[in-house]
Structures are given as C-alpha cells and as structure tokens.
N, C-alpha and C. Protein backbone atom coordinates (compact mmCIF):
# COMPACT_ATOMS: atom_id res chain seq x y z
N MET A 1 21.96 56.08 12.34
CA MET A 1 22.25 54.91 12.93
C MET A 1 20.51 54.05 13.02
N LEU A 2 19.79 54.68 13.10
CA LEU A 2 18.43 53.86 12.86
C LEU A 2 18.33 53.24 11.71
N PHE A 3 19.02 53.64 10.51
CA PHE A 3 18.84 52.94 9.06
C PHE A 3 19.91 51.41 9.33
N VAL A 4 21.05 51.95 9.82
CA VAL A 4 21.85 50.66 10.40
C VAL A 4 21.18 49.45 11.21
N PHE A 5 20.46 49.96 12.20
CA PHE A 5 19.67 48.96 12.83
C PHE A 5 18.38 48.42 12.30
N ILE A 6 17.61 48.96 11.30
CA ILE A 6 16.78 48.50 10.40
C ILE A 6 17.49 47.61 9.66
N TYR A 7 18.59 47.89 8.83
CA TYR A 7 19.18 47.02 7.94
C TYR A 7 19.56 45.78 8.29
N CYS A 8 20.36 45.92 9.66
CA CYS A 8 20.92 44.82 10.24
C CYS A 8 19.97 43.78 10.88
N PHE A 9 18.77 44.27 11.16
CA PHE A 9 17.95 43.40 12.07
C PHE A 9 16.95 42.82 11.03
N SER A 10 16.61 43.37 10.15
CA SER A 10 15.62 43.08 9.17
C SER A 10 16.12 41.97 8.10
N CYS A 11 17.44 42.05 7.88
CA CYS A 11 18.40 41.02 7.21
C CYS A 11 18.37 39.82 8.00
N TRP A 12 18.29 40.01 9.29
CA TRP A 12 18.39 38.90 10.16
C TRP A 12 20.07 38.29 10.20
N ARG A 13 20.84 39.02 9.86
CA ARG A 13 22.39 38.63 10.02
C ARG A 13 22.77 39.12 11.19
N PHE A 14 22.35 40.15 11.78
CA PHE A 14 23.24 40.71 12.87
C PHE A 14 22.09 41.03 13.75
N GLU A 15 21.04 40.23 13.92
CA GLU A 15 19.87 40.51 14.84
C GLU A 15 20.52 40.67 16.60
N ASN A 16 21.21 39.56 17.03
CA ASN A 16 21.75 39.95 18.02
C ASN A 16 22.56 41.09 18.44
N LEU A 17 23.49 41.61 17.41
CA LEU A 17 24.38 42.78 17.38
C LEU A 17 23.44 44.15 17.77
N ALA A 18 22.42 44.24 16.58
CA ALA A 18 21.22 45.01 16.52
C ALA A 18 20.71 45.18 17.89
N LEU A 19 20.03 44.17 18.42
CA LEU A 19 19.44 44.22 19.59
C LEU A 19 20.48 44.65 20.79
N GLY A 20 21.50 44.04 20.87
CA GLY A 20 22.57 44.50 22.03
C GLY A 20 22.83 46.00 21.86
N TYR A 21 22.94 46.43 20.69
CA TYR A 21 23.01 47.95 20.62
C TYR A 21 22.10 48.80 21.06
N ILE A 22 20.86 48.46 20.60
CA ILE A 22 19.83 49.10 20.97
C ILE A 22 19.79 49.08 22.87
N GLY A 23 19.87 47.85 23.31
CA GLY A 23 19.89 47.68 24.57
C GLY A 23 21.01 48.66 25.43
N PHE A 24 22.30 48.74 24.85
CA PHE A 24 23.25 49.52 25.49
C PHE A 24 22.78 50.95 25.25
N ARG A 25 22.13 51.42 23.94
CA ARG A 25 21.75 52.79 24.07
C ARG A 25 20.30 53.29 24.97
N VAL A 26 19.77 52.44 25.28
CA VAL A 26 18.97 52.34 26.41
C VAL A 26 19.30 52.61 27.99
N ILE A 27 20.14 51.86 28.16
CA ILE A 27 21.13 51.66 29.39
C ILE A 27 21.67 53.08 29.68
N GLU A 28 22.31 53.88 28.50
CA GLU A 28 23.09 54.83 28.35
C GLU A 28 22.14 55.69 28.69
N PHE A 29 20.94 55.92 27.93
CA PHE A 29 19.85 56.88 28.24
C PHE A 29 19.24 57.08 29.71
N VAL A 30 19.00 55.63 30.04
CA VAL A 30 18.45 55.81 31.49
C VAL A 30 19.50 56.24 32.66
N MET A 31 20.94 55.96 32.33
CA MET A 31 21.77 56.41 33.58
C MET A 31 22.16 57.91 32.96
N GLN A 32 21.98 58.22 31.93
CA GLN A 32 22.15 59.77 31.75
C GLN A 32 21.02 60.74 32.49
N VAL A 33 19.82 60.08 32.35
CA VAL A 33 18.76 60.83 33.02
C VAL A 33 19.28 60.88 34.46
N LEU A 34 19.59 59.51 35.11
CA LEU A 34 20.01 59.68 36.44
C LEU A 34 20.83 60.54 37.02
N SER A 35 22.16 60.73 36.06
CA SER A 35 23.29 61.41 36.30
C SER A 35 22.49 62.94 36.21
N ASP A 36 21.73 63.28 35.31
CA ASP A 36 21.44 64.66 35.36
C ASP A 36 20.27 64.86 36.41
N LEU A 37 19.56 64.12 36.89
CA LEU A 37 18.42 64.33 37.75
C LEU A 37 19.15 64.34 39.22
N SER A 38 20.41 63.48 39.58
CA SER A 38 21.02 63.93 40.76
C SER A 38 21.51 65.18 40.94
N SER A 39 22.06 65.85 39.72
CA SER A 39 22.58 67.44 39.86
C SER A 39 21.38 68.09 40.30
N LEU A 40 20.08 68.14 39.43
CA LEU A 40 19.19 68.93 39.95
C LEU A 40 18.51 68.40 41.38
N ARG A 41 18.44 67.45 41.87
CA ARG A 41 18.32 67.25 42.95
C ARG A 41 19.40 67.68 44.22
N LEU A 42 20.44 67.73 43.59
CA LEU A 42 21.47 68.71 44.44
C LEU A 42 21.09 70.23 44.76
N ILE A 43 20.63 70.65 43.89
CA ILE A 43 20.26 72.12 43.88
C ILE A 43 18.97 72.36 44.80
N SER A 44 18.23 71.33 44.87
CA SER A 44 17.05 71.37 45.52
C SER A 44 17.45 71.08 47.00
N LEU A 45 18.39 70.20 47.22
CA LEU A 45 18.97 69.85 48.63
C LEU A 45 19.54 71.12 49.19
N SER A 46 20.19 71.89 48.26
CA SER A 46 21.13 73.14 48.62
C SER A 46 20.05 73.86 49.09
N GLU A 47 19.05 74.38 48.40
CA GLU A 47 18.02 75.29 49.04
C GLU A 47 17.58 74.78 50.24
N GLU A 48 17.09 73.64 50.48
CA GLU A 48 16.48 73.27 51.81
C GLU A 48 17.62 73.26 52.99
N PHE A 49 19.00 72.93 52.44
CA PHE A 49 19.99 73.36 53.61
C PHE A 49 19.93 74.78 54.03
N LEU A 50 19.87 75.65 52.90
CA LEU A 50 19.94 77.10 53.54
C LEU A 50 18.85 77.47 54.39
N LYS A 51 17.50 76.95 54.09
CA LYS A 51 16.25 77.26 54.69
C LYS A 51 16.53 76.80 56.07
N ALA A 52 17.20 75.62 56.35
CA ALA A 52 17.40 74.97 57.71
C ALA A 52 18.40 75.39 58.77
N GLY A 53 18.76 76.54 58.00
CA GLY A 53 20.02 77.48 58.86
C GLY A 53 21.56 77.17 58.74
N SER A 54 21.48 76.28 57.50
CA SER A 54 23.15 75.65 57.55
C SER A 54 23.41 74.92 58.73
N PRO A 55 22.82 73.72 59.28
CA PRO A 55 23.50 73.20 60.33
C PRO A 55 24.63 72.53 60.10
N ALA A 56 25.65 72.66 60.97
CA ALA A 56 27.03 71.65 60.57
C ALA A 56 26.71 70.30 60.90
N GLY A 57 27.41 69.40 60.08
CA GLY A 57 27.43 68.28 60.19
C GLY A 57 26.02 67.55 60.05
N SER A 58 25.15 68.20 59.28
CA SER A 58 23.66 67.57 59.38
C SER A 58 23.46 66.65 58.31
N SER A 59 22.46 65.93 58.18
CA SER A 59 22.28 64.93 57.13
C SER A 59 22.03 65.53 55.98
N PHE A 60 21.83 66.80 55.55
CA PHE A 60 21.88 67.36 54.44
C PHE A 60 23.30 67.28 53.28
N GLN A 61 24.54 67.31 54.50
CA GLN A 61 25.71 67.12 53.79
C GLN A 61 26.08 65.39 53.42
N ILE A 62 25.69 64.56 54.29
CA ILE A 62 25.79 63.23 53.73
C ILE A 62 24.89 62.78 52.67
N LEU A 63 23.65 63.49 52.66
CA LEU A 63 22.79 63.49 51.44
C LEU A 63 23.52 63.87 50.03
N GLY A 64 24.07 65.36 50.20
CA GLY A 64 24.70 65.78 49.02
C GLY A 64 25.71 64.90 48.76
N SER A 65 26.88 64.31 49.56
CA SER A 65 27.47 63.50 49.15
C SER A 65 26.99 62.31 48.39
N LEU A 66 26.01 61.80 48.81
CA LEU A 66 25.64 60.59 48.20
C LEU A 66 25.10 60.96 46.75
N LEU A 67 24.30 62.15 46.62
CA LEU A 67 23.84 62.57 45.25
C LEU A 67 25.14 62.97 44.51
N ILE A 68 26.22 63.34 44.88
CA ILE A 68 27.33 63.56 43.92
C ILE A 68 28.01 62.22 43.60
N ALA A 69 27.96 60.97 44.74
CA ALA A 69 28.69 59.81 44.19
C ALA A 69 27.57 59.20 43.29
N GLU A 70 26.51 59.11 43.28
CA GLU A 70 25.39 58.76 42.39
C GLU A 70 25.66 59.31 40.96
N ARG A 71 25.76 60.78 40.84
CA ARG A 71 25.97 61.37 39.58
C ARG A 71 27.39 60.85 38.84
N ASP A 72 28.42 60.77 39.52
CA ASP A 72 29.48 60.20 39.10
C ASP A 72 29.64 58.77 38.67
N TRP A 73 29.02 57.76 39.47
CA TRP A 73 28.89 56.47 39.17
C TRP A 73 27.85 56.18 37.82
N ALA A 74 26.86 57.12 37.80
CA ALA A 74 25.94 57.08 36.70
C ALA A 74 26.62 57.39 35.61
N PHE A 75 27.50 58.30 35.62
CA PHE A 75 28.21 59.11 34.50
C PHE A 75 29.12 57.85 34.03
N GLN A 76 29.79 57.46 34.92
CA GLN A 76 30.81 56.10 34.55
C GLN A 76 29.97 55.00 33.66
N VAL A 77 28.80 54.67 34.07
CA VAL A 77 27.80 53.71 33.39
C VAL A 77 27.49 54.20 32.10
N VAL A 78 27.31 55.48 32.18
CA VAL A 78 27.00 56.23 30.49
C VAL A 78 28.02 55.94 29.72
N SER A 79 29.34 56.18 30.20
CA SER A 79 30.78 56.01 29.45
C SER A 79 31.00 54.56 28.97
N ILE A 80 30.60 53.61 29.99
CA ILE A 80 30.71 52.37 29.52
C ILE A 80 29.72 51.71 28.60
N SER A 81 28.50 51.81 28.72
CA SER A 81 27.42 51.79 27.81
C SER A 81 27.71 52.28 26.54
N LEU A 82 28.16 53.55 26.64
CA LEU A 82 28.46 54.09 25.07
C LEU A 82 29.57 53.36 24.32
N VAL A 83 30.63 52.89 25.13
CA VAL A 83 31.59 52.11 24.45
C VAL A 83 31.04 50.80 24.12
N LEU A 84 30.65 50.11 25.02
CA LEU A 84 29.93 48.64 24.61
C LEU A 84 29.03 48.64 23.33
N GLY A 85 28.25 49.84 23.50
CA GLY A 85 27.19 50.17 22.24
C GLY A 85 28.09 50.51 20.74
N ALA A 86 29.11 51.29 21.22
CA ALA A 86 29.92 51.51 20.01
C ALA A 86 30.48 50.63 19.06
N PHE A 87 31.15 49.60 20.12
CA PHE A 87 31.63 48.47 19.36
C PHE A 87 30.58 47.53 18.74
N LEU A 88 29.46 47.43 19.11
CA LEU A 88 28.57 46.58 18.28
C LEU A 88 28.29 47.44 17.28
N PHE A 89 28.03 48.98 17.40
CA PHE A 89 27.53 49.51 16.06
C PHE A 89 28.62 49.40 15.00
N TYR A 90 29.77 49.58 15.45
CA TYR A 90 31.20 49.68 14.49
C TYR A 90 31.22 48.42 13.88
N THR A 91 30.88 47.32 14.44
CA THR A 91 31.22 45.87 14.00
C THR A 91 29.86 45.68 13.14
N MET A 92 28.72 46.19 13.25
CA MET A 92 27.78 45.92 12.12
C MET A 92 27.98 46.87 10.96
N LEU A 93 28.67 48.16 11.36
CA LEU A 93 28.99 49.09 9.91
C LEU A 93 30.13 48.19 9.30
N TYR A 94 31.20 47.69 10.18
CA TYR A 94 32.45 47.09 9.35
C TYR A 94 31.90 45.92 8.53
N LYS A 95 30.99 45.07 9.23
CA LYS A 95 30.69 43.80 8.47
C LYS A 95 29.88 44.13 7.16
N THR A 96 28.97 45.08 7.27
CA THR A 96 28.14 45.48 6.24
C THR A 96 28.52 46.15 5.22
N ARG A 97 29.55 46.76 5.39
CA ARG A 97 30.34 47.61 4.44
C ARG A 97 29.38 48.91 3.87
N LEU A 98 28.74 49.34 4.87
CA LEU A 98 27.49 50.66 4.53
C LEU A 98 28.45 51.86 4.48
N ILE A 99 29.52 51.64 5.06
CA ILE A 99 30.45 53.00 5.00
C ILE A 99 31.98 52.40 4.76
N PRO A 100 32.86 53.29 4.25
CA PRO A 100 34.16 52.87 4.20
C PRO A 100 34.71 52.13 5.68
N ARG A 101 35.53 51.02 5.62
CA ARG A 101 35.94 50.55 6.73
C ARG A 101 36.89 51.24 7.53
N PHE A 102 37.50 52.27 6.94
CA PHE A 102 38.37 53.21 7.75
C PHE A 102 37.50 53.91 8.84
N ILE A 103 36.20 54.28 8.30
CA ILE A 103 35.70 54.91 9.39
C ILE A 103 35.06 54.08 10.54
N SER A 104 34.90 52.76 9.90
CA SER A 104 34.61 51.92 11.38
C SER A 104 35.84 51.41 12.12
N ILE A 105 36.83 51.38 11.52
CA ILE A 105 38.11 51.13 12.32
C ILE A 105 38.47 52.21 13.21
N TRP A 106 38.18 53.53 12.61
CA TRP A 106 38.44 54.88 13.70
C TRP A 106 37.45 54.67 14.76
N GLY A 107 36.23 54.29 14.60
CA GLY A 107 35.24 54.17 15.43
C GLY A 107 35.54 53.28 16.61
N PHE A 108 36.18 52.01 16.17
CA PHE A 108 36.74 50.97 17.20
C PHE A 108 37.82 51.61 18.15
N LEU A 109 38.93 52.38 17.36
CA LEU A 109 39.74 52.93 18.31
C LEU A 109 39.23 54.12 18.94
N GLY A 110 38.25 54.96 18.53
CA GLY A 110 37.77 55.88 19.44
C GLY A 110 37.11 55.10 20.42
N ALA A 111 36.16 54.32 20.54
CA ALA A 111 35.57 53.47 21.64
C ALA A 111 36.65 53.03 22.49
N ALA A 112 37.60 52.50 22.09
CA ALA A 112 38.91 52.04 22.74
C ALA A 112 39.27 52.99 23.63
N ILE A 113 39.45 54.17 23.15
CA ILE A 113 40.17 55.19 23.85
C ILE A 113 39.02 55.85 24.98
N VAL A 114 37.91 55.95 24.70
CA VAL A 114 37.07 56.44 25.65
C VAL A 114 36.58 55.49 26.71
N LEU A 115 37.10 54.02 26.32
CA LEU A 115 36.97 53.20 27.48
C LEU A 115 38.23 53.39 28.41
N VAL A 116 39.44 53.31 27.91
CA VAL A 116 40.59 53.72 28.67
C VAL A 116 40.34 55.13 29.67
N ASN A 117 39.60 56.02 28.98
CA ASN A 117 39.22 57.35 29.67
C ASN A 117 38.54 57.17 30.69
N ALA A 118 37.68 56.22 30.69
CA ALA A 118 36.48 55.79 31.68
C ALA A 118 37.38 55.01 32.93
N ILE A 119 38.21 54.38 32.50
CA ILE A 119 38.85 53.34 33.46
C ILE A 119 39.93 54.29 34.46
N LEU A 120 40.32 55.18 33.78
CA LEU A 120 41.28 55.70 34.29
C LEU A 120 40.63 56.82 35.34
N ASP A 121 39.45 57.19 34.82
CA ASP A 121 38.51 58.11 35.51
C ASP A 121 38.14 57.27 36.84
N MET A 122 38.01 56.14 36.66
CA MET A 122 37.41 55.07 38.10
C MET A 122 38.44 55.20 38.79
N ILE A 123 39.60 55.08 38.42
CA ILE A 123 40.76 54.61 39.29
C ILE A 123 41.39 56.05 39.80
N GLY A 124 40.90 57.18 39.24
CA GLY A 124 41.24 58.29 40.19
C GLY A 124 42.15 58.95 39.45
N ILE A 125 42.65 58.70 38.19
CA ILE A 125 43.62 59.45 37.60
C ILE A 125 43.05 60.40 36.42
N PRO A 126 43.14 61.42 36.60
CA PRO A 126 42.61 62.37 35.56
C PRO A 126 43.09 62.10 34.20
N PRO A 127 42.23 61.82 33.24
CA PRO A 127 42.45 61.28 32.04
C PRO A 127 42.83 62.41 30.82
N GLY A 128 42.15 63.76 31.21
CA GLY A 128 42.15 64.64 30.40
C GLY A 128 40.82 64.36 29.50
N ASN A 129 41.03 64.77 28.10
CA ASN A 129 40.23 64.84 27.02
C ASN A 129 40.51 63.73 26.04
N LEU A 130 40.47 62.62 26.41
CA LEU A 130 40.67 61.55 25.64
C LEU A 130 39.42 61.05 24.64
N GLY A 131 38.27 61.49 24.99
CA GLY A 131 37.02 61.15 23.98
C GLY A 131 37.00 62.19 22.87
N PHE A 132 38.01 62.95 22.83
CA PHE A 132 38.09 63.63 21.36
C PHE A 132 38.22 63.05 20.09
N VAL A 133 38.82 61.89 20.32
CA VAL A 133 38.89 60.90 19.12
C VAL A 133 37.67 60.54 18.67
N MET A 134 36.66 59.90 19.51
CA MET A 134 35.27 59.58 19.35
C MET A 134 34.37 60.68 18.69
N LEU A 135 34.67 61.74 19.33
CA LEU A 135 33.71 62.99 18.72
C LEU A 135 34.21 63.33 17.46
N LEU A 136 35.32 63.19 17.05
CA LEU A 136 35.56 63.48 15.72
C LEU A 136 35.38 62.60 14.88
N ASN A 137 35.24 61.23 15.37
CA ASN A 137 34.86 60.13 14.24
C ASN A 137 33.28 60.42 14.11
N GLU A 138 32.69 60.53 15.40
CA GLU A 138 31.01 60.76 14.98
C GLU A 138 30.67 62.20 14.16
N LEU A 139 31.45 63.11 14.25
CA LEU A 139 31.30 64.30 13.52
C LEU A 139 31.66 64.01 12.24
N PHE A 140 32.63 63.14 11.62
CA PHE A 140 33.05 62.74 10.55
C PHE A 140 31.80 61.82 10.02
N LEU A 141 31.81 60.78 10.83
CA LEU A 141 30.71 59.88 10.13
C LEU A 141 29.20 60.61 9.87
N GLY A 142 28.92 61.75 10.60
CA GLY A 142 27.65 62.24 10.24
C GLY A 142 27.80 63.11 8.73
N VAL A 143 28.93 63.72 8.68
CA VAL A 143 29.27 64.63 7.57
C VAL A 143 29.37 63.64 6.52
N TRP A 144 29.99 62.45 6.50
CA TRP A 144 30.14 61.53 5.51
C TRP A 144 28.76 61.03 5.01
N LEU A 145 27.97 60.79 5.92
CA LEU A 145 26.81 60.32 5.50
C LEU A 145 25.84 61.37 4.82
N ILE A 146 25.81 62.49 5.29
CA ILE A 146 25.04 63.72 4.36
C ILE A 146 25.60 63.72 3.27
N VAL A 147 27.05 63.99 2.95
CA VAL A 147 27.50 64.13 1.65
C VAL A 147 27.48 62.90 0.59
N LYS A 148 27.87 61.68 1.34
CA LYS A 148 28.19 60.56 0.52
C LYS A 148 27.05 59.62 0.50
N GLY A 149 26.50 59.49 1.73
CA GLY A 149 25.27 58.36 1.96
C GLY A 149 26.24 57.14 2.28
N PHE A 150 25.16 56.21 2.15
CA PHE A 150 25.70 54.68 2.43
C PHE A 150 26.58 54.18 1.18
N ASN A 151 27.40 53.17 1.26
CA ASN A 151 28.01 52.48 -0.14
C ASN A 151 26.56 51.84 -0.88
N GLN A 152 26.61 52.05 -1.96
CA GLN A 152 25.34 51.47 -2.74
C GLN A 152 25.46 49.92 -3.06
N PRO A 153 26.50 49.60 -3.21
CA PRO A 153 26.62 47.96 -3.31
C PRO A 153 26.03 47.23 -1.88
N ALA A 154 26.37 47.74 -0.81
CA ALA A 154 25.88 47.06 0.31
C ALA A 154 24.55 47.43 0.62
N THR A 155 23.88 48.41 0.13
CA THR A 155 22.46 48.79 0.43
C THR A 155 21.55 48.12 -0.46
N THR A 156 21.97 47.85 -1.91
CA THR A 156 21.35 47.36 -2.85
C THR A 156 21.30 46.03 -3.15
N THR A 157 22.55 45.46 -2.81
CA THR A 157 22.66 43.92 -3.01
C THR A 157 22.53 42.99 -1.75
N GLY A 158 22.62 43.94 -0.74
CA GLY A 158 22.74 42.98 0.52
C GLY A 158 23.93 42.26 0.81
N THR A 159 25.14 42.35 0.17
CA THR A 159 26.40 41.89 0.37
C THR A 159 26.98 42.04 1.82
N VAL A 160 27.58 40.99 1.93
CA VAL A 160 28.39 41.19 3.27
C VAL A 160 29.80 41.22 2.98
C-alpha cells in the first residue's frame, strides 16, 4: 500500500486520492485505539466497582454503559473510514493498473459489502459475517503482490 501511495502521490496524478486515503487510514487508526482503550477502561472500572462493594444503581453502571457505547460507536467509525479509504485505494489501483483490474473491482465490491454490514449493524440488524469478502480480497491482493508483484508496464512507463 505504501508503494501505491508513493507512486500516486509522486506522479501528481492522484494527489487528492492519495492524501484522502492516508487521512481515512489515520482516522481508522485513532478510532481503533479509542475502541480498544474503552474496553481496557471497562476492565479498570469493573475492578473499582468490586472494590466499592458493588453498590446497586451506582454511577459505575452508568459509566460502564457509556464506555460500551463509546466502543461501539468508535468501531462503527472504524468500519466507515475503512470503507472510504478502501474506495480511494482501489480507485487508485484501478486507474494506475498496477494490479489486474478484477482485483480492484473485487475490492470495490468488498468495500461496498462492508459498508452494508456497518449500516445494518448501526440500525440494529445483526448482519453476520459479510466482511468476509473484503478479507478474502485483501489476502488475495497480498499473495498476488508477493507472487506476481505490480504490473510492469504501469510501473515503468507510468501509463494510466
């Protein structure tokens, strides 16, 4: 991914897409950290709850509910920023032809399915494991790049 960013940014062809992609990845990282930290804070809160003698209807329960809600919403933002970043990433890959286009199209479809998954989860419908398509795409892309690498005409001549 770093090579694609450098290639697209250095050629000045897709500067906005490359910067947008990096921006969404930063948002995804920050929200993932918030999501993970809220779970860790919940552990500390539960220890304090037990030390206080488990008072019924205390502020510990309210704070615990807020931490769970924070984790859920941060994870939703992680999903949305992942999808938006993936759309930008696969747009750059599609336009530069660094990889075969079917992989980019598969990435678009996977990102759209993850978006549907996130929306269903937000409205309270358990979506199941719809992100599996994106997972398979990312694994396939990684193996493809290890075995075949980038398309040579796109990397050497700079054609779009």
